[in-house]
């Protein structure tokens, strides 16, 4: 049961839709109709899982792309992003060392990453950076700090 107050992180209004019109403006309107952009799996080598994901998804993987600012190489198979560290000195490498290969983050598509960061920060959520960063494909992105999201790394990806 959620016992947090509406408006705080994880508050009761965070996902409620029933009766929203009767209560007036939705406090989370800027997050309305978010679409899942992708889920990311951290691993040391793409070769371990690419053939299976391509077969299951019925699509070929994109060419690997280096995202130097994040210290990773990524490729996509549909809405699954595979990420591998470029060195042992970054967050993805530490993630794999501590937890092994596996689900790294979930990403949602938003219209304006900066605006969403401002709104969520005002509600008490934290981000891993002070402003949007450049991610794969040149998209503006931001990661919510797992300490403010129940331990889940959440990425916001600005829609094209």
C-alpha atoms as a PDB file:
ATOM      1  CA  UNK A   1       0.000   0.000   0.000  1.00  0.00           C
ATOM      2  CA  UNK A   2       1.289   3.436  -0.889  1.00  0.00           C
ATOM      3  CA  UNK A   3       1.248   5.683   2.149  1.00  0.00           C
ATOM      4  CA  UNK A   4       3.179   8.607   0.730  1.00  0.00           C
ATOM      5  CA  UNK A   5       1.517  11.960   0.323  1.00  0.00           C
ATOM      6  CA  UNK A   6       0.359  13.030  -3.159  1.00  0.00           C
ATOM      7  CA  UNK A   7       2.932  15.188  -4.856  1.00  0.00           C
ATOM      8  CA  UNK A   8       5.994  13.571  -3.254  1.00  0.00           C
ATOM      9  CA  UNK A   9       8.141  10.931  -4.917  1.00  0.00           C
ATOM     10  CA  UNK A  10       5.912   7.923  -5.464  1.00  0.00           C
ATOM     11  CA  UNK A  11       2.921   9.877  -4.165  1.00  0.00           C
ATOM     12  CA  UNK A  12      -0.616   8.637  -4.549  1.00  0.00           C
ATOM     13  CA  UNK A  13      -1.272  10.787  -7.617  1.00  0.00           C
ATOM     14  CA  UNK A  14       1.739   9.455  -9.517  1.00  0.00           C
ATOM     15  CA  UNK A  15      -0.228   7.094 -11.689  1.00  0.00           C
ATOM     16  CA  UNK A  16      -3.869   7.449 -10.761  1.00  0.00           C
ATOM     17  CA  UNK A  17      -6.170   8.047 -13.719  1.00  0.00           C
ATOM     18  CA  UNK A  18      -9.637   7.130 -12.411  1.00  0.00           C
ATOM     19  CA  UNK A  19     -11.635  10.211 -11.516  1.00  0.00           C
ATOM     20  CA  UNK A  20      -8.830  12.583 -12.544  1.00  0.00           C
ATOM     21  CA  UNK A  21     -11.220  14.930 -14.335  1.00  0.00           C
ATOM     22  CA  UNK A  22     -13.403  15.234 -11.237  1.00  0.00           C
ATOM     23  CA  UNK A  23     -10.391  16.283  -9.127  1.00  0.00           C
ATOM     24  CA  UNK A  24      -9.255  19.029 -11.463  1.00  0.00           C
ATOM     25  CA  UNK A  25      -5.898  19.420 -13.223  1.00  0.00           C
ATOM     26  CA  UNK A  26      -3.614  16.426 -12.975  1.00  0.00           C
ATOM     27  CA  UNK A  27      -0.488  17.133 -10.933  1.00  0.00           C
ATOM     28  CA  UNK A  28       1.591  14.946 -13.269  1.00  0.00           C
ATOM     29  CA  UNK A  29       0.231  16.183 -16.610  1.00  0.00           C
ATOM     30  CA  UNK A  30       3.745  16.681 -17.991  1.00  0.00           C
ATOM     31  CA  UNK A  31       4.276  12.916 -17.649  1.00  0.00           C
ATOM     32  CA  UNK A  32       0.953  11.950 -19.189  1.00  0.00           C
ATOM     33  CA  UNK A  33       1.046   9.219 -21.785  1.00  0.00           C
ATOM     34  CA  UNK A  34       4.749   8.473 -21.440  1.00  0.00           C
ATOM     35  CA  UNK A  35       5.860   5.801 -23.821  1.00  0.00           C
ATOM     36  CA  UNK A  36       8.452   3.192 -23.027  1.00  0.00           C
ATOM     37  CA  UNK A  37      11.447   4.011 -25.209  1.00  0.00           C
ATOM     38  CA  UNK A  38      13.658   1.037 -24.382  1.00  0.00           C
ATOM     39  CA  UNK A  39      15.066  -1.280 -21.764  1.00  0.00           C
ATOM     40  CA  UNK A  40      18.830  -1.626 -21.477  1.00  0.00           C
ATOM     41  CA  UNK A  41      20.897  -4.692 -20.689  1.00  0.00           C
ATOM     42  CA  UNK A  42      24.486  -4.252 -19.516  1.00  0.00           C
ATOM     43  CA  UNK A  43      26.977  -6.886 -20.634  1.00  0.00           C
ATOM     44  CA  UNK A  44      30.611  -7.351 -21.518  1.00  0.00           C
ATOM     45  CA  UNK A  45      29.997  -8.654 -25.055  1.00  0.00           C
ATOM     46  CA  UNK A  46      27.085  -8.199 -27.447  1.00  0.00           C
ATOM     47  CA  UNK A  47      27.835 -11.567 -29.041  1.00  0.00           C
ATOM     48  CA  UNK A  48      26.459 -13.379 -25.989  1.00  0.00           C
ATOM     49  CA  UNK A  49      22.849 -12.452 -26.703  1.00  0.00           C
ATOM     50  CA  UNK A  50      22.532 -10.731 -30.109  1.00  0.00           C
ATOM     51  CA  UNK A  51      21.566 -13.834 -32.117  1.00  0.00           C
ATOM     52  CA  UNK A  52      18.805 -14.706 -29.662  1.00  0.00           C
ATOM     53  CA  UNK A  53      17.388 -11.153 -29.472  1.00  0.00           C
ATOM     54  CA  UNK A  54      17.432 -10.809 -33.265  1.00  0.00           C
ATOM     55  CA  UNK A  55      15.610 -14.130 -33.628  1.00  0.00           C
ATOM     56  CA  UNK A  56      13.034 -13.351 -30.942  1.00  0.00           C
ATOM     57  CA  UNK A  57      12.438  -9.773 -32.105  1.00  0.00           C
ATOM     58  CA  UNK A  58      12.498 -10.521 -35.800  1.00  0.00           C
ATOM     59  CA  UNK A  59      14.807  -7.552 -36.459  1.00  0.00           C
ATOM     60  CA  UNK A  60      18.516  -7.097 -37.013  1.00  0.00           C
ATOM     61  CA  UNK A  61      20.610  -5.224 -34.481  1.00  0.00           C
ATOM     62  CA  UNK A  62      21.783  -1.722 -35.265  1.00  0.00           C
ATOM     63  CA  UNK A  63      25.466  -1.162 -35.838  1.00  0.00           C
ATOM     64  CA  UNK A  64      27.281  -0.629 -32.525  1.00  0.00           C
ATOM     65  CA  UNK A  65      27.688   3.056 -31.629  1.00  0.00           C
ATOM     66  CA  UNK A  66      30.299   4.437 -29.268  1.00  0.00           C
ATOM     67  CA  UNK A  67      28.926   6.988 -26.805  1.00  0.00           C
ATOM     68  CA  UNK A  68      32.185   8.390 -25.492  1.00  0.00           C
ATOM     69  CA  UNK A  69      30.485  10.774 -23.049  1.00  0.00           C
ATOM     70  CA  UNK A  70      28.935   7.776 -21.271  1.00  0.00           C
ATOM     71  CA  UNK A  71      31.947   5.488 -21.716  1.00  0.00           C
ATOM     72  CA  UNK A  72      29.901   2.805 -23.474  1.00  0.00           C
ATOM     73  CA  UNK A  73      29.177   1.178 -26.785  1.00  0.00           C
ATOM     74  CA  UNK A  74      25.515   0.504 -27.549  1.00  0.00           C
ATOM     75  CA  UNK A  75      23.388  -1.270 -30.111  1.00  0.00           C
ATOM     76  CA  UNK A  76      19.651  -1.751 -30.327  1.00  0.00           C
ATOM     77  CA  UNK A  77      17.515  -4.757 -31.222  1.00  0.00           C
ATOM     78  CA  UNK A  78      14.069  -3.240 -31.436  1.00  0.00           C
ATOM     79  CA  UNK A  79      13.428  -1.642 -28.047  1.00  0.00           C
ATOM     80  CA  UNK A  80      16.207  -3.526 -26.298  1.00  0.00           C
ATOM     81  CA  UNK A  81      19.452  -1.609 -25.888  1.00  0.00           C
ATOM     82  CA  UNK A  82      22.624  -3.546 -25.241  1.00  0.00           C
ATOM     83  CA  UNK A  83      25.339  -1.562 -23.490  1.00  0.00           C
ATOM     84  CA  UNK A  84      28.917  -2.546 -22.851  1.00  0.00           C
ATOM     85  CA  UNK A  85      31.576  -0.546 -21.047  1.00  0.00           C
ATOM     86  CA  UNK A  86      34.498   0.849 -23.021  1.00  0.00           C
ATOM     87  CA  UNK A  87      36.745   0.654 -19.950  1.00  0.00           C
ATOM     88  CA  UNK A  88      36.746  -0.822 -16.485  1.00  0.00           C
ATOM     89  CA  UNK A  89      36.586   2.660 -14.946  1.00  0.00           C
ATOM     90  CA  UNK A  90      32.956   3.592 -15.571  1.00  0.00           C
ATOM     91  CA  UNK A  91      29.546   3.038 -14.034  1.00  0.00           C
ATOM     92  CA  UNK A  92      28.464   0.274 -16.401  1.00  0.00           C
ATOM     93  CA  UNK A  93      31.651  -1.709 -15.699  1.00  0.00           C
ATOM     94  CA  UNK A  94      31.079  -1.287 -11.951  1.00  0.00           C
ATOM     95  CA  UNK A  95      27.439  -2.345 -12.383  1.00  0.00           C
ATOM     96  CA  UNK A  96      28.484  -5.571 -14.141  1.00  0.00           C
ATOM     97  CA  UNK A  97      31.223  -6.225 -11.583  1.00  0.00           C
ATOM     98  CA  UNK A  98      28.766  -5.892  -8.658  1.00  0.00           C
ATOM     99  CA  UNK A  99      25.650  -7.469 -10.161  1.00  0.00           C
ATOM    100  CA  UNK A 100      26.678  -9.333 -13.288  1.00  0.00           C
ATOM    101  CA  UNK A 101      25.211  -8.808 -16.725  1.00  0.00           C
ATOM    102  CA  UNK A 102      21.540  -7.945 -16.723  1.00  0.00           C
ATOM    103  CA  UNK A 103      18.847  -5.296 -16.780  1.00  0.00           C
ATOM    104  CA  UNK A 104      20.536  -1.911 -16.352  1.00  0.00           C
ATOM    105  CA  UNK A 105      17.778   0.681 -16.852  1.00  0.00           C
ATOM    106  CA  UNK A 106      14.382   1.472 -18.308  1.00  0.00           C
ATOM    107  CA  UNK A 107      13.872   4.516 -20.499  1.00  0.00           C
ATOM    108  CA  UNK A 108      10.813   6.630 -21.180  1.00  0.00           C
ATOM    109  CA  UNK A 109      10.283   8.999 -24.088  1.00  0.00           C
ATOM    110  CA  UNK A 110       9.448  12.593 -23.119  1.00  0.00           C
ATOM    111  CA  UNK A 111       8.863  15.759 -25.136  1.00  0.00           C
ATOM    112  CA  UNK A 112      11.348  17.932 -23.196  1.00  0.00           C
ATOM    113  CA  UNK A 113      13.969  16.339 -20.958  1.00  0.00           C
ATOM    114  CA  UNK A 114      14.917  19.657 -19.326  1.00  0.00           C
ATOM    115  CA  UNK A 115      11.319  20.440 -18.372  1.00  0.00           C
ATOM    116  CA  UNK A 116      10.751  16.956 -16.955  1.00  0.00           C
ATOM    117  CA  UNK A 117      13.986  17.211 -14.947  1.00  0.00           C
ATOM    118  CA  UNK A 118      12.835  20.528 -13.481  1.00  0.00           C
ATOM    119  CA  UNK A 119       9.393  19.184 -12.542  1.00  0.00           C
ATOM    120  CA  UNK A 120      10.658  15.936 -11.037  1.00  0.00           C
ATOM    121  CA  UNK A 121      13.458  17.695  -9.134  1.00  0.00           C
ATOM    122  CA  UNK A 122      10.848  20.025  -7.618  1.00  0.00           C
ATOM    123  CA  UNK A 123       8.998  16.900  -6.427  1.00  0.00           C
ATOM    124  CA  UNK A 124      12.081  15.593  -4.646  1.00  0.00           C
ATOM    125  CA  UNK A 125      13.539  13.238  -7.235  1.00  0.00           C
ATOM    126  CA  UNK A 126      17.246  13.359  -8.018  1.00  0.00           C
ATOM    127  CA  UNK A 127      19.154  13.029 -11.272  1.00  0.00           C
ATOM    128  CA  UNK A 128      22.685  11.855 -11.960  1.00  0.00           C
ATOM    129  CA  UNK A 129      23.475  15.144 -13.742  1.00  0.00           C
ATOM    130  CA  UNK A 130      22.476  18.788 -13.387  1.00  0.00           C
ATOM    131  CA  UNK A 131      21.079  18.965 -16.908  1.00  0.00           C
ATOM    132  CA  UNK A 132      20.364  16.897 -20.005  1.00  0.00           C
ATOM    133  CA  UNK A 133      23.249  15.004 -21.606  1.00  0.00           C
ATOM    134  CA  UNK A 134      23.788  13.665 -25.105  1.00  0.00           C
ATOM    135  CA  UNK A 135      23.130   9.954 -25.492  1.00  0.00           C
ATOM    136  CA  UNK A 136      23.053   7.420 -28.314  1.00  0.00           C
ATOM    137  CA  UNK A 137      21.866   8.785 -31.639  1.00  0.00           C
ATOM    138  CA  UNK A 138      22.442  12.326 -30.377  1.00  0.00           C
ATOM    139  CA  UNK A 139      19.287  12.235 -28.233  1.00  0.00           C
ATOM    140  CA  UNK A 140      19.017  14.479 -25.165  1.00  0.00           C
ATOM    141  CA  UNK A 141      18.800  12.225 -22.109  1.00  0.00           C
ATOM    142  CA  UNK A 142      18.838  12.309 -18.327  1.00  0.00           C
ATOM    143  CA  UNK A 143      19.090   9.541 -15.746  1.00  0.00           C
ATOM    144  CA  UNK A 144      17.106   9.627 -12.519  1.00  0.00           C
ATOM    145  CA  UNK A 145      19.266   8.650  -9.544  1.00  0.00           C
ATOM    146  CA  UNK A 146      18.361   5.165  -8.311  1.00  0.00           C
ATOM    147  CA  UNK A 147      18.446   6.371  -4.701  1.00  0.00           C
ATOM    148  CA  UNK A 148      15.299   8.395  -5.425  1.00  0.00           C
ATOM    149  CA  UNK A 149      13.508   5.765  -7.541  1.00  0.00           C
ATOM    150  CA  UNK A 150      13.516   2.733  -5.299  1.00  0.00           C
ATOM    151  CA  UNK A 151      16.789   1.415  -6.712  1.00  0.00           C
ATOM    152  CA  UNK A 152      15.804   1.450 -10.393  1.00  0.00           C
ATOM    153  CA  UNK A 153      17.843   3.481 -12.879  1.00  0.00           C
ATOM    154  CA  UNK A 154      15.342   5.385 -15.037  1.00  0.00           C
ATOM    155  CA  UNK A 155      16.307   7.288 -18.170  1.00  0.00           C
ATOM    156  CA  UNK A 156      14.338  10.065 -19.839  1.00  0.00           C
ATOM    157  CA  UNK A 157      14.887  10.296 -23.607  1.00  0.00           C
ATOM    158  CA  UNK A 158      13.766  13.365 -25.519  1.00  0.00           C
ATOM    159  CA  UNK A 159      11.522  12.479 -28.444  1.00  0.00           C
ATOM    160  CA  UNK A 160      12.665  13.524 -31.901  1.00  0.00           C
END
